Amino acid sequence: MELLIMREAGEEPQRVLEELRSRVGVDVERFSLRALGSMCPKPPLIAKLAYLLAMDSNAGDRGVWSSIAELESDVVESLGELLSNPSATGAIVSSGTEANVIALWAARNLTGKREVVVPASCHVSFYKAADLLGLKLIKAPLKRDYTVDVDFVKRRISRRTAAIVGIAGTTALGAVDPIAELSELA
């Protein structure tokens, strides 16, 4: 099937949207029983509108996009307060995968170390990040409640450890690791 949007002369926007609608519409409905475990909830209308307002902005360029950078700082501050960490720092990124890669990149570069202790329940992006960054993952087993075994993590921390990972809502079950306990180990 020839893609309308790939033609040299282009195509009318309405035809492009019609083709896109016909092709995307064949996917399994995310909210049916046939899509167990979908990690892509349908965003509310306000979220879609907010995205449209800021989608061409770049918070990484604080000189040009100072208002977006300020919004990002406000969101990070609010999330920090919500999670009982008033001194939180961070950035808004496009996905959890990107966040995980950046976090491990920062840990490796800050420490110069190459081992990361992760729960067996960690997202596949940690494996990708480890491969990209030349890191070794040490998988910690899960307890009966599907949270990471903190005692195992504690025993596996060594002079080679760049980071330890806790999951605040696993992909498969939504289990939340004991983040406060893991933070004390760090």
Protein backbone atom coordinates (compact mmCIF):
# COMPACT_ATOMS: atom_id res chain seq x y z
CA MET A 1 0.00 0.00 0.00
CA GLU A 2 1.40 3.36 -1.01
CA LEU A 3 1.58 5.89 1.78
CA LEU A 4 -0.14 9.12 0.84
CA ILE A 5 2.13 11.14 3.08
CA MET A 6 5.26 9.84 1.35
CA ARG A 7 4.41 11.11 -2.14
CA GLU A 8 6.74 13.72 -3.55
CA ALA A 9 3.98 16.27 -4.17
CA GLY A 10 2.29 15.73 -0.85
CA GLU A 11 -1.40 15.18 -0.31
CA GLU A 12 -4.39 17.06 0.98
CA PRO A 13 -4.48 17.05 4.80
CA GLN A 14 -7.98 15.53 4.86
CA ARG A 15 -6.83 12.52 2.78
CA VAL A 16 -3.80 12.02 5.03
CA LEU A 17 -6.01 12.06 8.13
CA GLU A 18 -8.48 9.65 6.52
CA GLU A 19 -5.70 7.19 5.71
CA LEU A 20 -4.25 7.48 9.18
CA ARG A 21 -7.68 6.97 10.77
CA SER A 22 -8.32 3.84 8.65
CA ARG A 23 -4.95 2.31 9.51
CA VAL A 24 -4.85 3.14 13.22
CA GLY A 25 -8.43 2.02 13.71
CA VAL A 26 -7.54 -1.67 13.19
CA ASP A 27 -5.59 -1.90 16.48
CA VAL A 28 -7.03 -3.73 19.45
CA GLU A 29 -9.08 -1.38 21.60
CA ARG A 30 -6.78 -0.57 24.53
CA PHE A 31 -9.61 -0.63 27.01
CA SER A 32 -11.05 -4.02 26.11
CA LEU A 33 -10.30 -7.36 27.77
CA ARG A 34 -8.20 -8.23 24.71
CA ALA A 35 -5.53 -5.67 25.70
CA LEU A 36 -4.57 -6.90 29.16
CA GLY A 37 -1.72 -4.86 30.63
CA SER A 38 -1.79 -1.93 28.21
CA MET A 39 0.43 0.82 29.60
CA CYS A 40 -1.12 3.50 27.41
CA PRO A 41 -4.27 4.84 29.05
CA LYS A 42 -6.50 7.12 27.04
CA PRO A 43 -5.53 10.67 28.00
CA PRO A 44 -8.27 13.06 29.11
CA LEU A 45 -9.19 15.88 26.74
CA ILE A 46 -7.45 18.48 28.93
CA ALA A 47 -4.17 16.55 28.63
CA LYS A 48 -4.49 16.45 24.84
CA LEU A 49 -5.18 20.18 24.70
CA ALA A 50 -2.26 20.95 27.02
CA TYR A 51 0.01 18.85 24.81
CA LEU A 52 -1.14 20.74 21.71
CA LEU A 53 -0.29 24.05 23.39
CA ALA A 54 3.28 23.06 24.26
CA MET A 55 4.28 20.25 21.88
CA ASP A 56 6.64 22.39 19.81
CA SER A 57 8.42 23.81 22.87
CA ASN A 58 11.84 22.76 24.11
CA ALA A 59 12.39 22.91 27.86
CA GLY A 60 16.04 22.10 27.22
CA ASP A 61 16.58 25.56 25.74
CA ARG A 62 15.86 27.75 28.75
CA GLY A 63 16.94 30.90 26.91
CA VAL A 64 14.25 30.63 24.25
CA TRP A 65 11.59 28.68 26.15
CA SER A 66 11.85 30.17 29.63
CA SER A 67 8.11 29.81 30.31
CA ILE A 68 8.21 26.07 29.52
CA ALA A 69 11.31 25.64 31.67
CA GLU A 70 9.51 27.42 34.52
CA LEU A 71 6.48 25.14 34.11
CA GLU A 72 8.78 22.12 34.20
CA SER A 73 10.37 23.36 37.43
CA ASP A 74 6.93 23.92 38.97
CA VAL A 75 5.80 20.39 38.04
CA VAL A 76 8.97 18.82 39.45
CA GLU A 77 8.57 20.84 42.66
CA SER A 78 4.91 19.80 42.99
CA LEU A 79 5.75 16.14 42.43
CA GLY A 80 8.53 16.39 44.99
CA GLU A 81 6.11 17.77 47.57
CA LEU A 82 3.57 15.06 46.71
CA LEU A 83 6.26 12.42 47.28
CA SER A 84 7.57 14.04 50.51
CA ASN A 85 10.77 15.28 48.89
CA PRO A 86 10.71 19.10 48.92
CA SER A 87 14.26 19.27 47.51
CA ALA A 88 13.52 17.06 44.48
CA THR A 89 15.18 17.85 41.18
CA GLY A 90 14.38 16.42 37.79
CA ALA A 91 13.16 16.91 34.27
CA ILE A 92 10.09 16.04 32.27
CA VAL A 93 10.96 13.62 29.49
CA SER A 94 8.98 11.90 26.76
CA SER A 95 8.81 8.43 28.27
CA GLY A 96 9.76 6.13 31.11
CA THR A 97 12.30 4.49 28.83
CA GLU A 98 14.02 7.82 28.24
CA ALA A 99 13.95 8.57 31.97
CA ASN A 100 15.53 5.20 32.80
CA VAL A 101 18.29 5.60 30.21
CA ILE A 102 19.10 9.12 31.44
CA ALA A 103 19.09 8.01 35.09
CA LEU A 104 21.54 5.17 34.45
CA TRP A 105 23.67 7.40 32.22
CA ALA A 106 23.88 9.97 35.02
CA ALA A 107 24.67 7.30 37.63
CA ARG A 108 27.44 5.84 35.50
CA ASN A 109 28.94 9.24 34.71
CA LEU A 110 28.71 10.55 38.28
CA THR A 111 30.17 7.45 39.92
CA GLY A 112 32.39 5.98 37.21
CA LYS A 113 30.99 2.59 38.23
CA ARG A 114 29.29 0.00 36.02
CA GLU A 115 27.00 -2.22 38.09
CA VAL A 116 23.32 -1.56 38.76
CA VAL A 117 21.14 -3.58 41.12
CA VAL A 118 17.62 -3.86 39.69
CA PRO A 119 14.51 -5.76 40.79
CA ALA A 120 13.64 -8.80 38.69
CA SER A 121 10.44 -6.88 37.89
CA CYS A 122 12.25 -3.97 36.23
CA HIS A 123 11.07 -2.68 32.87
CA VAL A 124 12.78 -3.91 29.70
CA SER A 125 14.20 -0.40 29.23
CA PHE A 126 16.76 -1.09 31.97
CA TYR A 127 18.18 -3.93 29.86
CA LYS A 128 18.32 -1.63 26.85
CA ALA A 129 20.00 1.11 28.89
CA ALA A 130 22.55 -1.33 30.30
CA ASP A 131 23.40 -2.50 26.80
CA LEU A 132 23.72 1.05 25.47
CA LEU A 133 25.80 2.26 28.41
CA GLY A 134 27.99 -0.79 28.98
CA LEU A 135 26.51 -1.56 32.40
CA LYS A 136 26.04 -4.87 34.19
CA LEU A 137 22.62 -5.47 35.74
CA ILE A 138 22.40 -7.50 38.94
CA LYS A 139 18.85 -8.82 39.25
CA ALA A 140 17.39 -8.86 42.75
CA PRO A 141 14.64 -11.43 43.40
CA LEU A 142 11.12 -10.51 44.42
CA LYS A 143 9.38 -11.36 47.67
CA ARG A 144 5.96 -13.02 47.89
CA ASP A 145 4.28 -9.61 47.53
CA TYR A 146 6.18 -9.03 44.24
CA THR A 147 8.34 -6.24 45.66
CA VAL A 148 12.12 -6.32 45.54
CA ASP A 149 14.02 -8.19 48.26
CA VAL A 150 15.76 -5.28 50.01
CA ASP A 151 18.04 -7.62 51.99
CA PHE A 152 19.34 -9.08 48.72
CA VAL A 153 19.89 -5.58 47.33
CA LYS A 154 21.82 -4.62 50.48
CA ARG A 155 24.08 -7.69 50.14
CA ARG A 156 24.79 -6.97 46.47
CA ILE A 157 25.87 -3.35 46.86
CA SER A 158 29.63 -3.15 46.32
CA ARG A 159 32.36 -0.71 45.37
CA ARG A 160 31.32 -1.34 41.73
CA THR A 161 27.68 -0.28 42.25
CA ALA A 162 26.64 2.81 40.30
CA ALA A 163 22.95 2.67 41.25
CA ILE A 164 20.18 0.68 42.85
CA VAL A 165 16.73 0.73 41.29
CA GLY A 166 13.32 0.61 42.88
CA ILE A 167 10.12 0.42 40.87
CA ALA A 168 7.17 2.59 41.86
CA GLY A 169 4.56 0.60 39.99
CA THR A 170 5.75 -2.44 38.06
CA THR A 171 4.53 -2.94 34.51
CA ALA A 172 2.90 -6.32 35.07
CA LEU A 173 1.35 -5.97 38.53
CA GLY A 174 1.68 -2.38 39.67
CA ALA A 175 3.70 -3.47 42.73
CA VAL A 176 5.56 -0.63 44.47
CA ASP A 177 9.00 -1.40 45.85
CA PRO A 178 9.92 0.01 49.30
CA ILE A 179 11.50 3.17 47.90
CA ALA A 180 12.28 4.70 51.31
CA GLU A 181 14.20 1.59 52.41
CA LEU A 182 16.11 1.48 49.13
CA SER A 183 16.92 5.18 49.45
CA GLU A 184 18.48 4.55 52.86
CA LEU A 185 20.81 2.00 51.23
CA ALA A 186 21.92 4.50 48.62
